[in-house]
Amino acid sequence: MLEGFVPFPAAFAQRYRALGYWQDRPLAQEFAAVFRRFSERTALIDGARRYSYADLDHHSSNLALNLLELGLAPLDRVIPTLPNVAEFVILYLALQKIGCIPIAALVTHRFAEINQFARLSKARCAVYPESSGDFRFGPVLDRVQAENPALQLRLVLGTPGPGEHSLVELIERPARLPASALDDVHIDPADPCIFQLSGGTTGIPKLIPRTNNDYAYNSKVAADVAGVDVGSVLLLVLPIAHNLPLACPGIQGFLFKGATVVLHGSTRPEEMFRLIETHRVTHLKVVPALLIRLINDPTISGFDLGSVRQIQSGGQRMQPEVRLRTRELFHNAFVQENFGMSEGLLMFVRRGDPEAVLLETCGRPVCADDEIRLLDDEGHEVAEGEVGELACRGPYTLRGYYGVPEYNARQFTPDGFYRSGDLMRRHPSGNYVVEGRKKDLINRGGEKISAEEVENLILMHPAVQNVACVPYPDERLGEKMCACVILKTGQSLTLEQLAAFLQLQEIARFKLPERLEVLRDFPVSTFGKVSKKALGESVAAKVATQATA
């Protein structure tokens, strides 16, 4: 067993197997059955490139054999920071065939995040594009590798430099190892198959181990609830490694059904509409900020969007008026709001739910054995209809973050319920309503930003005495981040200066504050702590006043 991994307790594992949730097959075997059954069907479209199920099987097996020859082995950790391209899917399938554990990093991550992932996981391999915009990954990986001796293998999507291997060449170059070498790889279905990333309230995100058993079930049950069948076509523009687009049901769930996935790297509405029309897309995955852009784009009337029958929205709460407007423009589509977490639990609204339930709630759990408690601050369950912190456990919800036992002791109840930090109440229908969160997170268009992580970096600025980062409302993204600072005597600071300083700390750009408030003091609670609630309300009021003016 991988050191630092928290397994499901034996009694629960036995129960989940007995109920059929866990099939005790590695993801590689799950995909092997799919490749045989749907071999000639189109599995993946990336621009002008089309891949059948047989093509994905062949390319991923060839890459897997070449990775074995380079020294990768089961349970080795790999950090891919790739955009929405076919190479990501081929790499993901290849890593499953040799039992390696990808870390769900993003192409927007920079030195701070990649270095932390490498340190936490002791990753042996990193996979990255040559560049993203004007950012070049190679020099950053030089530094990451210097600080993390376990990181021995580097694969680049592009022209390789010193110490790098070409990912495309490894996919295309005929393997020297025999195909039978893959048959000799032993993968325990109870081991992790991926490390997803937490929202991260305490600095850079924690690593979430998802096992072969629970991740396969996660995608299968989500595909059923999302109405995926062999004729479905998914357009995927959200970041490919996120849990929602990868597995809820995402790429994984659509492939399990023999469906087709269209990859695209841009969220420009006109490009998305053209792809929907061209490929007769049936399913869209969005966050509300993206959906708002789509339904307000003037080019929408120039395309045939009648093929879309399901729009799945997650990441943040959708306003009822957005759902109603979407129905007018995507007239054949059911807007399926969901609440999900990379840690596990998924909730979906369903076709047939009453109108009030569809407009007010985020859905109900996808599995009968998803156990839900709503807790007060003392850990007691709240009365029916009252707001409490969501705590959950079930056949696809983790039992502990990787390698952080002290943190796990705080985040899990003694009987194994994960305390999510999300505030909810149970609707009379049995669905749930999101009422906020206890976590110190800013939800910027579905990207969760740890306020503490950014605050710690801002405190390094020589002009700053104290800082508190809070969310404020934004029509398009839901929330943006405001940095409220107290400056040292005689110092000054602008938002542009602060952003430039933070970029020197090499964090992802989506974490940069978009507003700065310089204050003489912070409001405090009755316990003497900084009242972020009061700060957030004050900033929101200023934003509203300025918008009116």
Protein backbone atom coordinates (compact mmCIF):
# COMPACT_ATOMS: atom_id res chain seq x y z
CA MET A 1 0.00 0.00 0.00
CA LEU A 2 1.16 3.52 -0.80
CA GLU A 3 2.49 5.23 2.32
CA GLY A 4 0.32 8.23 3.23
CA PHE A 5 -2.80 6.81 1.56
CA VAL A 6 -5.88 6.30 3.77
CA PRO A 7 -7.84 3.24 2.57
CA PHE A 8 -11.54 2.58 3.01
CA PRO A 9 -12.18 0.58 6.22
CA ALA A 10 -12.49 -3.15 5.51
CA ALA A 11 -16.14 -3.42 6.60
CA PHE A 12 -17.19 -0.59 4.27
CA ALA A 13 -15.13 -1.96 1.38
CA GLN A 14 -16.82 -5.34 1.80
CA ARG A 15 -20.24 -3.69 1.81
CA TYR A 16 -19.55 -1.64 -1.33
CA ARG A 17 -18.37 -4.76 -3.15
CA ALA A 18 -21.40 -6.75 -2.02
CA LEU A 19 -23.74 -4.03 -3.29
CA GLY A 20 -22.03 -4.01 -6.68
CA TYR A 21 -20.64 -0.48 -6.50
CA TRP A 22 -17.07 -1.77 -6.64
CA GLN A 23 -16.21 -4.29 -9.34
CA ASP A 24 -12.60 -4.87 -8.21
CA ARG A 25 -11.27 -4.08 -11.66
CA PRO A 26 -8.50 -1.53 -12.30
CA LEU A 27 -9.49 1.31 -14.60
CA ALA A 28 -7.22 -0.28 -17.21
CA GLN A 29 -9.50 -3.34 -17.29
CA GLU A 30 -12.62 -1.17 -17.36
CA PHE A 31 -11.28 0.63 -20.41
CA ALA A 32 -10.08 -2.60 -22.05
CA ALA A 33 -13.66 -3.88 -22.15
CA VAL A 34 -14.82 -0.59 -23.65
CA PHE A 35 -12.10 -0.64 -26.33
CA ARG A 36 -13.14 -4.14 -27.41
CA ARG A 37 -16.85 -3.40 -27.45
CA PHE A 38 -16.73 -0.07 -29.30
CA SER A 39 -13.49 -0.45 -31.26
CA GLU A 40 -14.62 1.17 -34.52
CA ARG A 41 -16.71 3.98 -33.01
CA THR A 42 -15.34 7.54 -32.79
CA ALA A 43 -14.15 8.13 -29.25
CA LEU A 44 -12.34 11.45 -29.44
CA ILE A 45 -12.24 14.52 -31.70
CA ASP A 46 -9.55 17.17 -31.32
CA GLY A 47 -9.75 19.69 -34.15
CA ALA A 48 -9.08 17.78 -37.38
CA ARG A 49 -7.87 14.72 -35.47
CA ARG A 50 -10.27 11.83 -34.91
CA TYR A 51 -9.58 8.77 -32.79
CA SER A 52 -11.62 5.57 -32.72
CA TYR A 53 -11.75 3.49 -29.56
CA ALA A 54 -9.24 1.14 -31.22
CA ASP A 55 -6.95 4.11 -31.92
CA LEU A 56 -7.02 5.22 -28.28
CA ASP A 57 -6.25 1.67 -27.19
CA HIS A 58 -3.33 1.34 -29.61
CA HIS A 59 -1.77 4.74 -28.89
CA SER A 60 -2.14 4.47 -25.11
CA SER A 61 -0.70 0.92 -25.06
CA ASN A 62 2.28 2.01 -27.15
CA LEU A 63 2.89 4.98 -24.86
CA ALA A 64 2.48 2.78 -21.77
CA LEU A 65 5.15 0.38 -23.04
CA ASN A 66 7.55 3.22 -23.79
CA LEU A 67 6.96 4.66 -20.30
CA LEU A 68 7.69 1.27 -18.77
CA GLU A 69 10.96 1.20 -20.71
CA LEU A 70 11.81 4.65 -19.33
CA GLY A 71 11.41 3.24 -15.83
CA LEU A 72 7.93 4.21 -14.66
CA ALA A 73 6.23 1.61 -12.45
CA PRO A 74 2.92 1.09 -10.63
CA LEU A 75 2.13 3.74 -7.99
CA ASP A 76 4.69 6.21 -9.39
CA ARG A 77 3.22 9.71 -9.33
CA VAL A 78 3.10 11.84 -12.50
CA ILE A 79 2.30 15.57 -12.82
CA PRO A 80 0.66 16.41 -16.17
CA THR A 81 -0.01 20.11 -16.84
CA LEU A 82 -1.54 19.75 -20.28
CA PRO A 83 -4.28 21.73 -22.06
CA ASN A 84 -7.41 20.22 -23.64
CA VAL A 85 -5.69 18.06 -26.25
CA ALA A 86 -5.89 14.41 -27.29
CA GLU A 87 -2.43 13.77 -25.84
CA PHE A 88 -3.84 14.26 -22.34
CA VAL A 89 -6.42 11.50 -22.87
CA ILE A 90 -3.83 9.13 -24.38
CA LEU A 91 -1.45 9.84 -21.48
CA TYR A 92 -4.20 9.33 -18.88
CA LEU A 93 -5.12 5.94 -20.39
CA ALA A 94 -1.46 4.93 -20.65
CA LEU A 95 -0.82 5.78 -16.99
CA GLN A 96 -3.81 3.66 -15.98
CA LYS A 97 -2.39 0.72 -17.97
CA ILE A 98 0.83 0.79 -15.95
CA GLY A 99 -0.75 1.74 -12.62
CA CYS A 100 0.83 5.18 -12.30
CA ILE A 101 -1.00 7.97 -10.45
CA PRO A 102 -1.55 11.24 -12.35
CA ILE A 103 -1.97 14.42 -10.32
CA ALA A 104 -4.79 16.57 -11.68
CA ALA A 105 -2.70 19.69 -12.25
CA LEU A 106 -3.72 22.44 -14.66
CA VAL A 107 -1.92 24.12 -17.53
CA THR A 108 -2.48 27.39 -15.60
CA HIS A 109 -0.42 26.20 -12.64
CA ARG A 110 3.02 27.68 -12.22
CA PHE A 111 6.15 27.07 -10.13
CA ALA A 112 4.50 27.44 -6.72
CA GLU A 113 1.85 24.81 -7.41
CA ILE A 114 3.94 22.39 -9.49
CA ASN A 115 6.77 22.45 -6.97
CA GLN A 116 4.35 21.79 -4.11
CA PHE A 117 2.73 18.88 -5.95
CA ALA A 118 6.15 17.38 -6.62
CA ARG A 119 7.18 17.78 -2.98
CA LEU A 120 3.95 16.37 -1.52
CA SER A 121 3.71 13.41 -3.87
CA LYS A 122 7.39 12.69 -4.53
CA ALA A 123 6.44 12.57 -8.20
CA ARG A 124 8.81 10.78 -10.57
CA CYS A 125 7.59 12.35 -13.80
CA ALA A 126 6.25 15.67 -15.12
CA VAL A 127 4.46 16.15 -18.45
CA TYR A 128 3.94 19.64 -19.83
CA PRO A 129 3.58 21.70 -23.01
CA GLU A 130 6.59 23.52 -24.37
CA SER A 131 4.75 26.77 -23.72
CA SER A 132 1.37 28.24 -22.86
CA GLY A 133 0.97 31.70 -24.36
CA ASP A 134 4.23 33.48 -23.55
CA PHE A 135 4.98 31.20 -20.57
CA ARG A 136 7.65 28.53 -21.07
CA PHE A 137 7.50 25.49 -18.80
CA GLY A 138 11.04 24.16 -19.29
CA PRO A 139 12.92 26.68 -17.10
CA VAL A 140 10.33 26.25 -14.34
CA LEU A 141 10.68 22.47 -14.44
CA ASP A 142 14.46 22.87 -14.23
CA ARG A 143 13.98 24.53 -10.86
CA VAL A 144 11.31 22.05 -9.70
CA GLN A 145 13.59 19.17 -10.60
CA ALA A 146 16.51 20.77 -8.72
CA GLU A 147 14.40 20.91 -5.54
CA ASN A 148 12.81 17.47 -5.93
CA PRO A 149 15.34 14.70 -6.63
CA ALA A 150 12.54 12.12 -7.08
CA LEU A 151 11.48 13.93 -10.26
CA GLN A 152 13.63 12.08 -12.78
CA LEU A 153 11.56 11.99 -15.97
CA ARG A 154 10.31 14.94 -18.03
CA LEU A 155 8.03 14.67 -21.06
CA VAL A 156 7.28 17.73 -23.19
CA LEU A 157 4.51 18.32 -25.70
CA GLY A 158 6.66 20.14 -28.23
CA THR A 159 10.32 20.21 -29.15
CA PRO A 160 12.37 18.51 -26.41
CA GLY A 161 15.38 20.22 -24.87
CA PRO A 162 18.15 18.79 -22.67
CA GLY A 163 16.77 16.24 -20.22
CA GLU A 164 13.36 16.12 -21.91
CA HIS A 165 11.58 13.41 -23.91
CA SER A 166 9.04 14.16 -26.64
CA LEU A 167 5.55 13.06 -25.58
CA VAL A 168 4.43 12.80 -29.22
CA GLU A 169 7.43 10.65 -30.11
CA LEU A 170 6.71 8.31 -27.19
CA ILE A 171 3.11 7.99 -28.41
CA GLU A 172 4.09 7.34 -32.03
CA ARG A 173 7.43 5.48 -31.84
CA PRO A 174 6.81 1.71 -31.96
CA ALA A 175 7.57 0.25 -28.54
CA ARG A 176 10.53 -2.06 -28.14
CA LEU A 177 8.93 -3.91 -25.23
CA PRO A 178 6.47 -6.66 -26.17
CA ALA A 179 2.76 -5.99 -25.66
CA SER A 180 2.75 -8.81 -23.10
CA ALA A 181 4.71 -6.54 -20.75
CA LEU A 182 1.45 -4.79 -19.91
CA ASP A 183 -0.06 -8.13 -18.86
CA ASP A 184 2.67 -8.44 -16.25
CA VAL A 185 1.72 -5.14 -14.56
CA HIS A 186 -0.18 -5.75 -11.31
CA ILE A 187 -2.64 -3.04 -10.27
CA ASP A 188 -4.63 -3.31 -7.03
CA PRO A 189 -8.16 -1.91 -7.61
CA ALA A 190 -8.11 -0.54 -4.07
CA ASP A 191 -5.05 1.61 -4.81
CA PRO A 192 -5.26 5.23 -6.00
CA CYS A 193 -5.67 5.77 -9.74
CA ILE A 194 -5.46 9.58 -9.58
CA PHE A 195 -4.79 12.39 -7.13
CA GLN A 196 -7.43 15.06 -7.60
CA LEU A 197 -6.94 18.48 -5.96
CA SER A 198 -8.87 19.95 -3.06
CA GLY A 199 -10.25 23.48 -3.02
CA GLY A 200 -7.38 24.20 -0.64
CA THR A 201 -8.38 26.39 2.31
CA THR A 202 -4.95 26.06 3.91
CA GLY A 203 -2.46 27.03 1.24
CA ILE A 204 -1.86 25.05 -1.95
CA PRO A 205 -4.43 22.28 -2.58
CA LYS A 206 -4.27 18.94 -0.80
CA LEU A 207 -4.00 15.72 -2.80
CA ILE A 208 -7.18 13.63 -2.98
CA PRO A 209 -6.57 9.93 -3.60
CA ARG A 210 -9.32 8.37 -5.72
CA THR A 211 -9.13 4.61 -6.06
CA ASN A 212 -9.71 2.50 -9.16
CA ASN A 213 -12.85 1.08 -7.55
CA ASP A 214 -14.43 4.31 -6.42
CA TYR A 215 -13.47 6.39 -9.48
CA ALA A 216 -14.92 3.86 -11.92
CA TYR A 217 -18.18 3.80 -9.98
CA ASN A 218 -18.15 7.62 -9.72
CA SER A 219 -18.13 7.93 -13.53
CA LYS A 220 -20.59 5.12 -14.22
CA VAL A 221 -23.28 6.38 -11.86
CA ALA A 222 -22.78 9.99 -13.00
CA ALA A 223 -23.16 8.90 -16.65
CA ASP A 224 -26.43 7.18 -15.84
CA VAL A 225 -27.84 10.19 -14.03
CA ALA A 226 -26.66 12.54 -16.81
CA GLY A 227 -28.43 10.52 -19.49
CA VAL A 228 -25.31 9.47 -21.41
CA ASP A 229 -25.72 6.73 -24.01
CA VAL A 230 -23.81 5.37 -26.99
CA GLY A 231 -25.04 8.18 -29.24
CA SER A 232 -24.04 11.01 -26.89
CA VAL A 233 -21.50 13.64 -27.94
CA LEU A 234 -19.81 15.77 -25.27
CA LEU A 235 -18.20 19.14 -26.00
CA LEU A 236 -15.48 19.69 -23.42
CA VAL A 237 -13.92 23.15 -23.00
CA LEU A 238 -13.49 23.21 -19.20
CA PRO A 239 -9.97 22.37 -17.96
CA ILE A 240 -9.56 18.71 -18.78
CA ALA A 241 -8.07 17.47 -15.49
CA HIS A 242 -10.77 18.91 -13.23
CA ASN A 243 -12.93 16.25 -11.62
CA LEU A 244 -16.16 17.39 -13.34
CA PRO A 245 -14.87 17.26 -16.95
CA LEU A 246 -12.70 14.22 -16.36
CA ALA A 247 -15.01 11.90 -14.46
CA CYS A 248 -18.45 13.28 -13.46
CA PRO A 249 -19.28 11.75 -15.90
CA GLY A 250 -16.77 13.58 -18.08
CA ILE A 251 -14.35 11.92 -20.48
CA GLN A 252 -14.27 8.77 -18.38
CA GLY A 253 -18.04 8.34 -18.11
CA PHE A 254 -18.64 9.08 -21.80
CA LEU A 255 -16.01 6.55 -22.86
CA PHE A 256 -17.55 3.93 -20.58
CA LYS A 257 -20.78 4.36 -22.59
CA GLY A 258 -19.13 4.21 -26.03
CA ALA A 259 -19.93 7.88 -26.66
CA THR A 260 -17.86 10.63 -28.31
CA VAL A 261 -15.91 13.49 -26.71
CA VAL A 262 -15.03 16.67 -28.62
CA LEU A 263 -12.09 18.53 -27.08
CA HIS A 264 -11.56 22.26 -27.49
CA GLY A 265 -9.17 24.65 -25.79
CA SER A 266 -11.19 27.85 -25.99
CA THR A 267 -14.38 29.08 -24.33
CA ARG A 268 -15.13 31.62 -27.08
CA PRO A 269 -18.90 31.30 -27.61
CA GLU A 270 -18.85 31.47 -31.41
CA GLU A 271 -16.28 28.66 -31.61
CA MET A 272 -18.34 26.54 -29.22
CA PHE A 273 -21.56 27.13 -31.18
CA ARG A 274 -19.85 26.11 -34.42
CA LEU A 275 -18.58 22.87 -32.84
CA ILE A 276 -22.04 22.10 -31.46
CA GLU A 277 -23.56 22.51 -34.90
CA THR A 278 -20.79 20.61 -36.73
CA HIS A 279 -20.60 17.59 -34.41
CA ARG A 280 -24.27 17.52 -33.29
CA VAL A 281 -23.19 17.86 -29.68
CA THR A 282 -25.70 16.47 -27.17
CA HIS A 283 -24.02 17.34 -23.86
CA LEU A 284 -22.29 20.47 -22.57
CA LYS A 285 -20.35 20.89 -19.33
CA VAL A 286 -20.26 24.46 -18.04
CA VAL A 287 -19.84 26.59 -14.97
CA PRO A 288 -22.46 29.33 -14.58
CA ALA A 289 -19.98 32.04 -15.63
CA LEU A 290 -19.44 30.29 -18.96
CA LEU A 291 -23.15 29.64 -19.47
CA ILE A 292 -23.89 33.33 -18.89
CA ARG A 293 -21.37 34.19 -21.61
CA LEU A 294 -22.98 31.75 -24.02
CA ILE A 295 -26.57 32.86 -23.59
CA ASN A 296 -25.61 36.55 -23.88
CA ASP A 297 -23.43 36.21 -26.97
CA PRO A 298 -25.00 37.88 -30.02
CA THR A 299 -23.85 35.11 -32.40
CA ILE A 300 -25.97 32.45 -30.69
CA SER A 301 -28.92 32.97 -33.04
CA GLY A 302 -26.81 32.11 -36.08
CA PHE A 303 -26.29 28.44 -35.20
CA ASP A 304 -28.38 25.30 -34.96
CA LEU A 305 -28.11 24.22 -31.31
CA GLY A 306 -31.05 21.83 -31.40
CA SER A 307 -28.87 18.76 -30.86
CA VAL A 308 -28.05 19.78 -27.27
CA ARG A 309 -30.21 17.81 -24.87
CA GLN A 310 -28.30 18.21 -21.60
CA ILE A 311 -26.33 21.12 -20.12
CA GLN A 312 -24.56 20.12 -16.93
CA SER A 313 -23.60 23.02 -14.69
CA GLY A 314 -21.42 22.83 -11.61
CA GLY A 315 -18.78 24.73 -9.68
CA GLN A 316 -21.09 27.36 -8.22
CA ARG A 317 -24.78 28.04 -7.73
CA MET A 318 -26.81 28.97 -10.81
CA GLN A 319 -29.33 31.79 -10.57
CA PRO A 320 -32.89 30.84 -11.63
CA GLU A 321 -33.01 33.53 -14.33
CA VAL A 322 -29.93 31.98 -16.00
CA ARG A 323 -31.63 28.60 -16.13
CA LEU A 324 -34.81 30.11 -17.58
CA ARG A 325 -32.96 32.08 -20.25
CA THR A 326 -30.94 28.99 -21.20
CA ARG A 327 -34.13 27.04 -21.85
CA GLU A 328 -35.25 29.70 -24.31
CA LEU A 329 -32.04 29.49 -26.36
CA PHE A 330 -31.24 25.77 -26.04
CA HIS A 331 -34.85 24.74 -26.52
CA ASN A 332 -34.23 20.96 -26.46
CA ALA A 333 -31.87 20.99 -23.48
CA PHE A 334 -32.41 20.00 -19.88
CA VAL A 335 -30.28 22.18 -17.59
CA GLN A 336 -28.91 19.79 -14.99
CA GLU A 337 -27.43 21.61 -12.04
CA ASN A 338 -25.14 19.57 -9.85
CA PHE A 339 -23.10 19.90 -6.70
CA GLY A 340 -19.89 17.94 -6.69
CA MET A 341 -16.56 17.79 -4.97
CA SER A 342 -13.27 16.28 -6.01
CA GLU A 343 -13.35 14.49 -2.66
CA GLY A 344 -16.29 12.42 -3.89
CA LEU A 345 -19.97 13.19 -3.25
CA LEU A 346 -22.08 14.13 -6.29
CA MET A 347 -25.60 15.60 -6.29
CA PHE A 348 -27.69 16.13 -9.44
CA VAL A 349 -31.16 17.48 -10.13
CA ARG A 350 -33.19 15.04 -12.25
CA ARG A 351 -35.55 15.23 -15.17
CA GLY A 352 -39.05 15.17 -13.72
CA ASP A 353 -38.19 17.20 -10.62
CA PRO A 354 -40.84 19.89 -10.02
CA GLU A 355 -40.07 23.35 -11.39
CA ALA A 356 -39.52 24.87 -7.94
CA VAL A 357 -37.05 22.10 -7.08
CA LEU A 358 -35.12 22.62 -10.32
CA LEU A 359 -34.87 26.36 -9.72
CA GLU A 360 -33.98 26.25 -6.04
CA THR A 361 -31.81 23.19 -5.43
CA CYS A 362 -28.51 21.65 -6.51
CA GLY A 363 -29.91 18.13 -6.56
CA ARG A 364 -29.67 15.02 -4.43
CA PRO A 365 -26.99 12.31 -4.10
CA VAL A 366 -26.47 9.94 -7.02
CA CYS A 367 -26.08 6.85 -4.83
CA ALA A 368 -28.47 5.35 -2.28
CA ASP A 369 -25.47 4.73 0.00
CA ASP A 370 -24.25 8.32 -0.02
CA GLU A 371 -24.63 9.17 3.67
CA ILE A 372 -25.34 12.85 4.43
CA ARG A 373 -25.26 14.74 7.70
CA LEU A 374 -25.72 18.48 8.23
CA LEU A 375 -23.78 19.49 11.34
CA ASP A 376 -23.67 22.48 13.65
CA ASP A 377 -20.44 23.93 15.07
CA GLU A 378 -20.44 21.34 17.85
CA GLY A 379 -20.76 18.45 15.42
CA HIS A 380 -24.43 17.70 16.14
CA GLU A 381 -26.96 17.22 13.34
CA VAL A 382 -29.20 20.23 12.80
CA ALA A 383 -32.98 20.05 12.75
CA GLU A 384 -34.77 19.29 9.47
CA GLY A 385 -34.75 22.34 7.19
CA GLU A 386 -32.01 24.16 9.10
CA VAL A 387 -28.60 25.08 7.70
CA GLY A 388 -25.60 22.98 8.65
CA GLU A 389 -22.17 21.97 7.43
CA LEU A 390 -22.29 19.16 4.88
CA ALA A 391 -20.59 15.99 6.10
CA CYS A 392 -20.63 12.87 3.95
CA ARG A 393 -19.28 9.39 3.40
CA GLY A 394 -20.00 6.77 0.77
CA PRO A 395 -18.62 4.38 -1.84
CA TYR A 396 -16.75 7.07 -3.78
CA THR A 397 -15.92 9.67 -1.08
CA LEU A 398 -12.36 9.70 0.24
CA ARG A 399 -11.38 8.63 3.75
CA GLY A 400 -8.38 10.93 4.02
CA TYR A 401 -6.19 13.34 2.07
CA TYR A 402 -2.81 12.02 1.03
CA GLY A 403 0.03 12.36 3.51
CA VAL A 404 -1.53 14.84 5.98
CA PRO A 405 -2.74 12.89 9.06
CA GLU A 406 -2.99 15.98 11.29
CA TYR A 407 -5.24 17.75 8.75
CA ASN A 408 -7.32 14.60 8.31
CA ALA A 409 -7.96 14.48 12.05
CA ARG A 410 -9.73 17.84 11.76
CA GLN A 411 -11.55 17.24 8.48
CA PHE A 412 -13.08 13.84 9.25
CA THR A 413 -15.41 12.80 12.05
CA PRO A 414 -14.34 9.82 14.18
CA ASP A 415 -16.72 7.61 12.18
CA GLY A 416 -15.32 8.68 8.82
CA PHE A 417 -17.61 11.47 7.59
CA TYR A 418 -15.79 14.09 5.53
CA ARG A 419 -16.53 17.61 6.79
CA SER A 420 -16.74 19.61 3.57
CA GLY A 421 -17.06 23.15 4.89
CA ASP A 422 -20.09 23.70 2.62
CA LEU A 423 -23.25 25.03 4.25
CA MET A 424 -26.50 23.39 3.11
CA ARG A 425 -30.08 22.77 4.09
CA ARG A 426 -32.34 19.93 3.07
CA HIS A 427 -35.23 20.98 0.85
CA PRO A 428 -38.68 19.46 1.58
CA SER A 429 -38.31 17.55 -1.71
CA GLY A 430 -35.26 15.68 -0.39
CA ASN A 431 -32.91 17.70 -2.59
CA TYR A 432 -30.34 20.05 -1.08
CA VAL A 433 -29.83 23.82 -1.24
CA VAL A 434 -26.36 25.40 -1.03
CA GLU A 435 -26.36 28.24 1.49
CA GLY A 436 -22.70 29.23 1.50
CA ARG A 437 -19.57 27.78 3.01
CA LYS A 438 -17.46 27.75 6.11
CA LYS A 439 -14.32 27.28 4.04
CA ASP A 440 -12.21 30.36 3.40
CA LEU A 441 -12.48 30.05 -0.37
CA ILE A 442 -13.20 32.41 -3.24
CA ASN A 443 -15.13 30.70 -6.04
CA ARG A 444 -14.04 32.51 -9.20
CA GLY A 445 -16.02 31.04 -12.06
CA GLY A 446 -15.71 27.55 -10.60
CA GLU A 447 -11.99 27.86 -9.76
CA LYS A 448 -11.58 27.64 -5.99
CA ILE A 449 -8.95 30.03 -4.60
CA SER A 450 -7.55 29.59 -1.10
CA ALA A 451 -7.64 32.99 0.59
CA GLU A 452 -4.95 31.83 3.01
CA GLU A 453 -2.55 30.89 0.22
CA VAL A 454 -2.81 34.34 -1.38
CA GLU A 455 -2.74 36.14 1.99
CA ASN A 456 0.50 34.43 2.95
CA LEU A 457 2.11 35.68 -0.24
CA ILE A 458 0.77 39.24 0.12
CA LEU A 459 2.19 39.40 3.65
CA MET A 460 5.64 39.05 2.08
CA HIS A 461 5.18 42.45 0.38
CA PRO A 462 7.33 45.03 2.21
CA ALA A 463 4.52 47.59 2.30
CA VAL A 464 1.90 45.29 3.86
CA GLN A 465 1.29 45.01 7.58
CA ASN A 466 -1.82 42.82 7.46
CA VAL A 467 -4.17 41.40 4.82
CA ALA A 468 -7.51 39.64 4.47
CA CYS A 469 -8.76 38.37 1.10
CA VAL A 470 -12.53 38.21 0.66
CA PRO A 471 -14.92 37.51 -2.21
CA TYR A 472 -17.17 40.11 -3.79
CA PRO A 473 -20.02 39.53 -6.25
CA ASP A 474 -19.48 39.50 -10.00
CA GLU A 475 -22.26 38.99 -12.55
CA ARG A 476 -20.13 36.91 -14.92
CA LEU A 477 -17.85 34.90 -12.62
CA GLY A 478 -20.02 34.74 -9.50
CA GLU A 479 -17.18 35.94 -7.26
CA LYS A 480 -13.90 37.80 -7.58
CA MET A 481 -11.25 38.34 -4.93
CA CYS A 482 -10.55 41.58 -3.12
CA ALA A 483 -7.37 42.02 -1.09
CA CYS A 484 -8.07 44.17 1.95
CA VAL A 485 -4.74 45.43 3.33
CA ILE A 486 -3.41 47.48 6.18
CA LEU A 487 -0.18 49.16 5.09
CA LYS A 488 2.90 49.91 7.14
CA THR A 489 3.37 53.54 8.13
CA GLY A 490 4.35 55.74 5.21
CA GLN A 491 3.83 53.02 2.59
CA SER A 492 1.55 52.98 -0.47
CA LEU A 493 0.33 50.21 -2.77
CA THR A 494 -1.73 49.94 -5.95
CA LEU A 495 -3.54 46.93 -7.37
CA GLU A 496 -1.13 46.88 -10.32
CA GLN A 497 1.88 46.86 -7.99
CA LEU A 498 0.36 44.08 -5.91
CA ALA A 499 -0.41 41.95 -8.98
CA ALA A 500 3.13 42.42 -10.29
CA PHE A 501 4.53 41.34 -6.91
CA LEU A 502 2.34 38.23 -6.79
CA GLN A 503 3.31 37.23 -10.31
CA LEU A 504 6.92 37.17 -9.10
CA GLN A 505 5.77 34.50 -6.59
CA GLU A 506 4.77 32.39 -9.63
CA ILE A 507 1.20 31.45 -8.80
CA ALA A 508 -1.57 30.79 -11.29
CA ARG A 509 -2.99 34.01 -12.76
CA PHE A 510 -6.56 33.20 -11.74
CA LYS A 511 -5.45 33.62 -8.11
CA LEU A 512 -4.51 37.29 -8.51
CA PRO A 513 -6.76 39.76 -6.60
CA GLU A 514 -8.92 41.90 -8.88
CA ARG A 515 -9.64 44.61 -6.36
CA LEU A 516 -7.60 46.28 -3.60
CA GLU A 517 -8.98 48.03 -0.53
CA VAL A 518 -6.51 49.89 1.71
CA LEU A 519 -7.91 50.15 5.24
CA ARG A 520 -6.75 51.62 8.54
CA ASP A 521 -8.09 48.68 10.53
CA PHE A 522 -10.12 45.48 10.14
CA PRO A 523 -13.52 44.79 11.74
CA VAL A 524 -13.33 42.07 14.38
CA SER A 525 -15.81 39.50 15.67
CA THR A 526 -16.89 39.08 19.28
CA PHE A 527 -14.04 36.57 19.60
CA GLY A 528 -11.49 39.16 18.51
CA LYS A 529 -10.87 37.62 15.09
CA VAL A 530 -10.91 39.50 11.79
CA SER A 531 -14.52 39.46 10.58
CA LYS A 532 -14.25 38.46 6.95
CA LYS A 533 -18.03 38.47 6.80
CA ALA A 534 -18.12 42.18 7.64
CA LEU A 535 -15.24 42.90 5.27
CA GLY A 536 -16.95 41.05 2.43
CA GLU A 537 -20.23 42.89 3.02
CA SER A 538 -18.41 46.24 3.03
CA VAL A 539 -16.61 45.49 -0.24
CA ALA A 540 -19.82 44.20 -1.86
CA ALA A 541 -21.63 47.41 -0.86
CA LYS A 542 -18.86 49.54 -2.39
CA VAL A 543 -18.95 47.53 -5.61
CA ALA A 544 -22.73 47.91 -5.82
CA THR A 545 -22.55 51.66 -5.19
CA GLN A 546 -19.87 52.12 -7.84
CA ALA A 547 -21.88 50.06 -10.33
CA THR A 548 -24.95 52.23 -9.72
CA ALA A 549 -22.91 55.41 -10.08
